N, C-alpha and C. Protein backbone atom coordinates (compact mmCIF):
# COMPACT_ATOMS: atom_id res chain seq x y z
N UNK A 1 81.15 218.56 111.21
CA UNK A 1 79.90 219.16 111.65
C UNK A 1 79.56 218.64 113.05
N UNK A 2 79.25 219.54 113.95
CA UNK A 2 78.89 219.19 115.31
C UNK A 2 77.42 218.78 115.34
N UNK A 3 77.13 217.58 115.81
CA UNK A 3 75.75 217.10 115.80
C UNK A 3 75.08 217.15 117.18
N UNK A 4 75.71 217.81 118.13
CA UNK A 4 75.11 217.94 119.45
C UNK A 4 73.91 218.89 119.39
N UNK A 5 72.89 218.61 120.22
CA UNK A 5 71.73 219.51 120.25
C UNK A 5 72.13 220.92 120.70
N UNK A 6 71.43 221.89 120.16
CA UNK A 6 71.63 223.29 120.52
C UNK A 6 70.29 223.87 120.96
N UNK A 7 70.30 225.08 121.47
CA UNK A 7 69.04 225.74 121.81
C UNK A 7 68.19 225.91 120.55
N UNK A 8 68.85 226.17 119.45
CA UNK A 8 68.14 226.36 118.19
C UNK A 8 67.51 225.05 117.69
N UNK A 9 68.24 223.95 117.83
CA UNK A 9 67.67 222.65 117.41
C UNK A 9 66.55 222.23 118.36
N UNK A 10 66.68 222.60 119.65
CA UNK A 10 65.59 222.34 120.60
C UNK A 10 64.34 223.10 120.19
N UNK A 11 64.49 224.32 119.74
CA UNK A 11 63.35 225.13 119.31
C UNK A 11 62.67 224.48 118.10
N UNK A 12 63.47 224.02 117.14
CA UNK A 12 62.93 223.34 115.96
C UNK A 12 62.14 222.11 116.41
N UNK A 13 62.73 221.31 117.29
CA UNK A 13 62.08 220.09 117.78
C UNK A 13 60.80 220.43 118.54
N UNK A 14 60.82 221.49 119.34
CA UNK A 14 59.62 221.89 120.06
C UNK A 14 58.48 222.19 119.08
N UNK A 15 58.79 222.90 118.02
CA UNK A 15 57.77 223.19 117.02
C UNK A 15 57.19 221.92 116.42
N UNK A 16 58.02 220.94 116.16
CA UNK A 16 57.54 219.68 115.59
C UNK A 16 56.70 218.90 116.60
N UNK A 17 57.10 218.94 117.86
CA UNK A 17 56.32 218.24 118.91
C UNK A 17 54.95 218.90 119.06
N UNK A 18 54.91 220.23 119.07
CA UNK A 18 53.63 220.93 119.16
C UNK A 18 52.76 220.55 117.98
N UNK A 19 53.34 220.53 116.79
CA UNK A 19 52.59 220.14 115.59
C UNK A 19 52.01 218.73 115.76
N UNK A 20 52.82 217.80 116.21
CA UNK A 20 52.39 216.42 116.36
C UNK A 20 51.28 216.28 117.41
N UNK A 21 51.44 216.93 118.54
CA UNK A 21 50.45 216.83 119.61
C UNK A 21 49.11 217.41 119.16
N UNK A 22 49.13 218.58 118.54
CA UNK A 22 47.88 219.24 118.18
C UNK A 22 47.21 218.65 116.94
N UNK A 23 48.00 218.11 116.02
CA UNK A 23 47.41 217.54 114.80
C UNK A 23 47.08 216.06 114.96
N UNK A 24 47.77 215.40 115.89
CA UNK A 24 47.57 213.96 116.04
C UNK A 24 48.34 213.15 115.02
N UNK A 25 49.19 213.83 114.25
CA UNK A 25 50.00 213.17 113.23
C UNK A 25 51.46 213.58 113.36
N UNK A 26 52.35 212.65 113.05
CA UNK A 26 53.75 213.03 113.00
C UNK A 26 53.94 213.94 111.78
N UNK A 27 54.88 214.87 111.85
CA UNK A 27 55.15 215.69 110.67
C UNK A 27 55.54 214.81 109.49
N UNK A 28 55.05 215.13 108.33
CA UNK A 28 55.32 214.38 107.10
C UNK A 28 54.82 212.94 107.20
N UNK A 29 53.68 212.76 107.85
CA UNK A 29 53.10 211.42 108.03
C UNK A 29 52.99 210.71 106.68
N UNK A 30 53.32 209.44 106.70
CA UNK A 30 53.21 208.62 105.50
C UNK A 30 54.44 208.61 104.63
N UNK A 31 55.41 209.46 104.93
CA UNK A 31 56.64 209.49 104.13
C UNK A 31 57.77 208.81 104.89
N UNK A 32 58.62 208.12 104.17
CA UNK A 32 59.78 207.46 104.76
C UNK A 32 60.86 208.50 105.09
N UNK A 33 61.67 208.19 106.11
CA UNK A 33 62.73 209.11 106.54
C UNK A 33 63.65 209.53 105.40
N UNK A 34 63.99 208.59 104.53
CA UNK A 34 64.92 208.92 103.45
C UNK A 34 64.31 209.89 102.45
N UNK A 35 63.01 210.06 102.48
CA UNK A 35 62.34 211.05 101.63
C UNK A 35 62.21 212.38 102.39
N UNK A 36 61.92 212.29 103.68
CA UNK A 36 61.70 213.49 104.50
C UNK A 36 62.98 214.29 104.69
N UNK A 37 64.07 213.62 104.98
CA UNK A 37 65.32 214.32 105.31
C UNK A 37 65.73 215.33 104.23
N UNK A 38 65.80 214.94 102.95
CA UNK A 38 66.16 215.95 101.95
C UNK A 38 65.14 217.08 101.85
N UNK A 39 63.86 216.77 102.03
CA UNK A 39 62.84 217.81 101.98
C UNK A 39 63.08 218.85 103.07
N UNK A 40 63.37 218.39 104.29
CA UNK A 40 63.61 219.30 105.41
C UNK A 40 64.87 220.12 105.17
N UNK A 41 65.92 219.48 104.69
CA UNK A 41 67.17 220.19 104.40
C UNK A 41 66.94 221.28 103.36
N UNK A 42 66.04 221.02 102.40
CA UNK A 42 65.73 221.99 101.36
C UNK A 42 64.75 223.06 101.83
N UNK A 43 64.31 222.98 103.09
CA UNK A 43 63.44 224.01 103.64
C UNK A 43 61.96 223.69 103.68
N UNK A 44 61.58 222.51 103.26
CA UNK A 44 60.16 222.15 103.29
C UNK A 44 59.75 221.88 104.74
N UNK A 45 58.54 222.30 105.06
CA UNK A 45 58.00 222.11 106.40
C UNK A 45 56.62 221.47 106.29
N UNK A 46 56.10 220.95 107.40
CA UNK A 46 54.77 220.34 107.34
C UNK A 46 53.72 221.35 106.87
N UNK A 47 52.70 220.83 106.22
CA UNK A 47 51.61 221.69 105.79
C UNK A 47 50.68 221.96 106.97
N UNK A 48 50.08 223.13 106.94
CA UNK A 48 49.11 223.46 107.99
C UNK A 48 47.90 222.55 107.82
N UNK A 49 47.50 221.88 108.90
CA UNK A 49 46.33 221.00 108.81
C UNK A 49 45.08 221.78 108.40
N UNK A 50 44.20 221.08 107.70
CA UNK A 50 42.96 221.69 107.24
C UNK A 50 42.00 221.94 108.39
N UNK A 51 40.85 222.48 108.05
CA UNK A 51 39.87 222.90 109.05
C UNK A 51 39.49 221.78 110.00
N UNK A 52 39.18 220.60 109.51
CA UNK A 52 38.73 219.51 110.37
C UNK A 52 39.78 219.04 111.36
N UNK A 53 41.01 218.92 110.89
CA UNK A 53 42.07 218.42 111.77
C UNK A 53 42.93 219.52 112.35
N UNK A 54 42.78 220.74 111.87
CA UNK A 54 43.62 221.84 112.32
C UNK A 54 42.94 222.77 113.30
N UNK A 55 42.06 222.21 114.10
CA UNK A 55 41.25 222.98 115.03
C UNK A 55 42.05 223.96 115.87
N UNK A 56 43.22 223.56 116.33
CA UNK A 56 44.01 224.39 117.24
C UNK A 56 45.08 225.22 116.55
N UNK A 57 45.18 225.13 115.24
CA UNK A 57 46.24 225.84 114.53
C UNK A 57 45.79 227.24 114.14
N UNK A 58 45.73 228.11 115.14
CA UNK A 58 45.38 229.50 114.89
C UNK A 58 46.48 230.16 114.06
N UNK A 59 46.17 231.30 113.51
CA UNK A 59 47.18 232.02 112.71
C UNK A 59 48.42 232.33 113.54
N UNK A 60 48.21 232.76 114.79
CA UNK A 60 49.34 233.09 115.65
C UNK A 60 50.21 231.90 115.98
N UNK A 61 49.57 230.77 116.25
CA UNK A 61 50.34 229.56 116.54
C UNK A 61 51.09 229.10 115.30
N UNK A 62 50.44 229.12 114.15
CA UNK A 62 51.10 228.67 112.92
C UNK A 62 52.30 229.55 112.59
N UNK A 63 52.16 230.85 112.83
CA UNK A 63 53.28 231.76 112.60
C UNK A 63 54.44 231.42 113.53
N UNK A 64 54.12 231.12 114.79
CA UNK A 64 55.16 230.76 115.75
C UNK A 64 55.85 229.46 115.35
N UNK A 65 55.08 228.46 114.93
CA UNK A 65 55.69 227.20 114.50
C UNK A 65 56.64 227.43 113.32
N UNK A 66 56.22 228.24 112.38
CA UNK A 66 57.10 228.53 111.24
C UNK A 66 58.37 229.26 111.65
N UNK A 67 58.29 230.09 112.68
CA UNK A 67 59.50 230.73 113.20
C UNK A 67 60.41 229.69 113.85
N UNK A 68 59.82 228.71 114.56
CA UNK A 68 60.62 227.63 115.17
C UNK A 68 61.34 226.80 114.11
N UNK A 69 60.74 226.70 112.92
CA UNK A 69 61.29 225.85 111.86
C UNK A 69 62.14 226.61 110.85
N UNK A 70 62.49 227.85 111.15
CA UNK A 70 63.31 228.63 110.20
C UNK A 70 64.54 227.82 109.80
N UNK A 71 64.91 227.93 108.54
CA UNK A 71 66.07 227.20 108.03
C UNK A 71 67.35 227.66 108.72
N UNK A 72 67.47 228.95 108.93
CA UNK A 72 68.65 229.50 109.61
C UNK A 72 68.44 229.40 111.12
N UNK A 73 69.18 228.53 111.79
CA UNK A 73 68.96 228.33 113.23
C UNK A 73 68.96 229.60 114.07
N UNK A 74 69.82 230.54 113.76
CA UNK A 74 69.90 231.77 114.56
C UNK A 74 68.64 232.64 114.39
N UNK A 75 67.82 232.36 113.38
CA UNK A 75 66.59 233.11 113.16
C UNK A 75 65.42 232.57 113.97
N UNK A 76 65.61 231.44 114.62
CA UNK A 76 64.54 230.83 115.41
C UNK A 76 64.39 231.57 116.73
N UNK A 77 63.17 231.60 117.27
CA UNK A 77 62.98 232.27 118.56
C UNK A 77 63.58 231.46 119.69
N UNK A 78 63.74 232.10 120.81
CA UNK A 78 64.15 231.37 122.01
C UNK A 78 62.97 230.50 122.43
N UNK A 79 63.27 229.37 123.03
CA UNK A 79 62.22 228.45 123.46
C UNK A 79 61.25 229.17 124.40
N UNK A 80 61.77 230.04 125.25
CA UNK A 80 60.92 230.79 126.17
C UNK A 80 59.88 231.60 125.41
N UNK A 81 60.28 232.23 124.32
CA UNK A 81 59.34 233.02 123.51
C UNK A 81 58.27 232.12 122.89
N UNK A 82 58.68 230.94 122.46
CA UNK A 82 57.71 229.99 121.89
C UNK A 82 56.70 229.57 122.95
N UNK A 83 57.16 229.30 124.16
CA UNK A 83 56.25 228.94 125.25
C UNK A 83 55.31 230.09 125.60
N UNK A 84 55.82 231.31 125.58
CA UNK A 84 54.98 232.47 125.87
C UNK A 84 53.87 232.60 124.83
N UNK A 85 54.20 232.38 123.56
CA UNK A 85 53.19 232.44 122.49
C UNK A 85 52.18 231.32 122.69
N UNK A 86 52.65 230.14 123.01
CA UNK A 86 51.76 229.01 123.25
C UNK A 86 50.82 229.30 124.41
N UNK A 87 51.32 229.95 125.44
CA UNK A 87 50.48 230.32 126.58
C UNK A 87 49.39 231.29 126.15
N UNK A 88 49.75 232.31 125.37
CA UNK A 88 48.74 233.28 124.90
C UNK A 88 47.69 232.59 124.03
N UNK A 89 48.12 231.73 123.13
CA UNK A 89 47.19 231.03 122.25
C UNK A 89 46.28 230.11 123.05
N UNK A 90 46.82 229.44 124.06
CA UNK A 90 46.00 228.51 124.84
C UNK A 90 44.90 229.25 125.59
N UNK A 91 45.14 230.49 125.99
CA UNK A 91 44.09 231.29 126.63
C UNK A 91 42.96 231.58 125.65
N UNK A 92 43.32 231.84 124.40
CA UNK A 92 42.31 232.07 123.37
C UNK A 92 41.53 230.79 123.11
N UNK A 93 42.23 229.65 123.09
CA UNK A 93 41.53 228.37 122.90
C UNK A 93 40.49 228.17 124.00
N UNK A 94 40.87 228.47 125.24
CA UNK A 94 39.95 228.29 126.37
C UNK A 94 38.70 229.14 126.19
N UNK A 95 38.88 230.39 125.81
CA UNK A 95 37.75 231.28 125.59
C UNK A 95 36.90 230.77 124.44
N UNK A 96 37.55 230.35 123.35
CA UNK A 96 36.82 229.86 122.19
C UNK A 96 36.02 228.60 122.52
N UNK A 97 36.62 227.70 123.26
CA UNK A 97 35.94 226.46 123.62
C UNK A 97 34.72 226.77 124.50
N UNK A 98 34.90 227.66 125.46
CA UNK A 98 33.77 228.03 126.33
C UNK A 98 32.65 228.70 125.54
N UNK A 99 33.03 229.44 124.50
CA UNK A 99 32.04 230.13 123.67
C UNK A 99 31.46 229.22 122.59
N UNK A 100 32.00 228.02 122.45
CA UNK A 100 31.52 227.10 121.42
C UNK A 100 32.05 227.39 120.03
N UNK A 101 33.13 228.16 119.96
CA UNK A 101 33.74 228.51 118.67
C UNK A 101 34.90 227.54 118.44
N UNK A 102 34.90 226.81 117.29
CA UNK A 102 35.93 225.80 117.09
C UNK A 102 37.34 226.31 116.87
N UNK A 103 37.53 227.45 116.25
CA UNK A 103 38.88 227.94 115.99
C UNK A 103 38.83 229.46 115.81
N UNK A 104 39.75 230.13 116.44
CA UNK A 104 39.79 231.58 116.37
C UNK A 104 41.16 232.01 115.89
N UNK A 105 41.27 232.75 114.75
CA UNK A 105 42.59 233.22 114.33
C UNK A 105 43.15 234.18 115.36
N UNK A 106 44.38 233.94 115.78
CA UNK A 106 45.04 234.83 116.74
C UNK A 106 46.43 235.12 116.26
């Protein structure tokens, strides 16, 4: 098995980094690596943060993260598409913040 990074593995990692930055928690926080690895291999992904901690996890962003984490690497979007979605969502965040709305499904 080739363990070198690929564009698809970069996309998966990008999704996890976005999750960590926006939630303030590492994915699968509180679990040891030896527990997390089999869960990920079996297709388990981080849970969507709740209302208090999931302020920035709009429906559109969460859908994009789940596409980044697809089990089948070839089913993941190109990193450019993920960045484009993030750009669109960030514009909605800006409008919501200015309007005083904590979270807007997009």
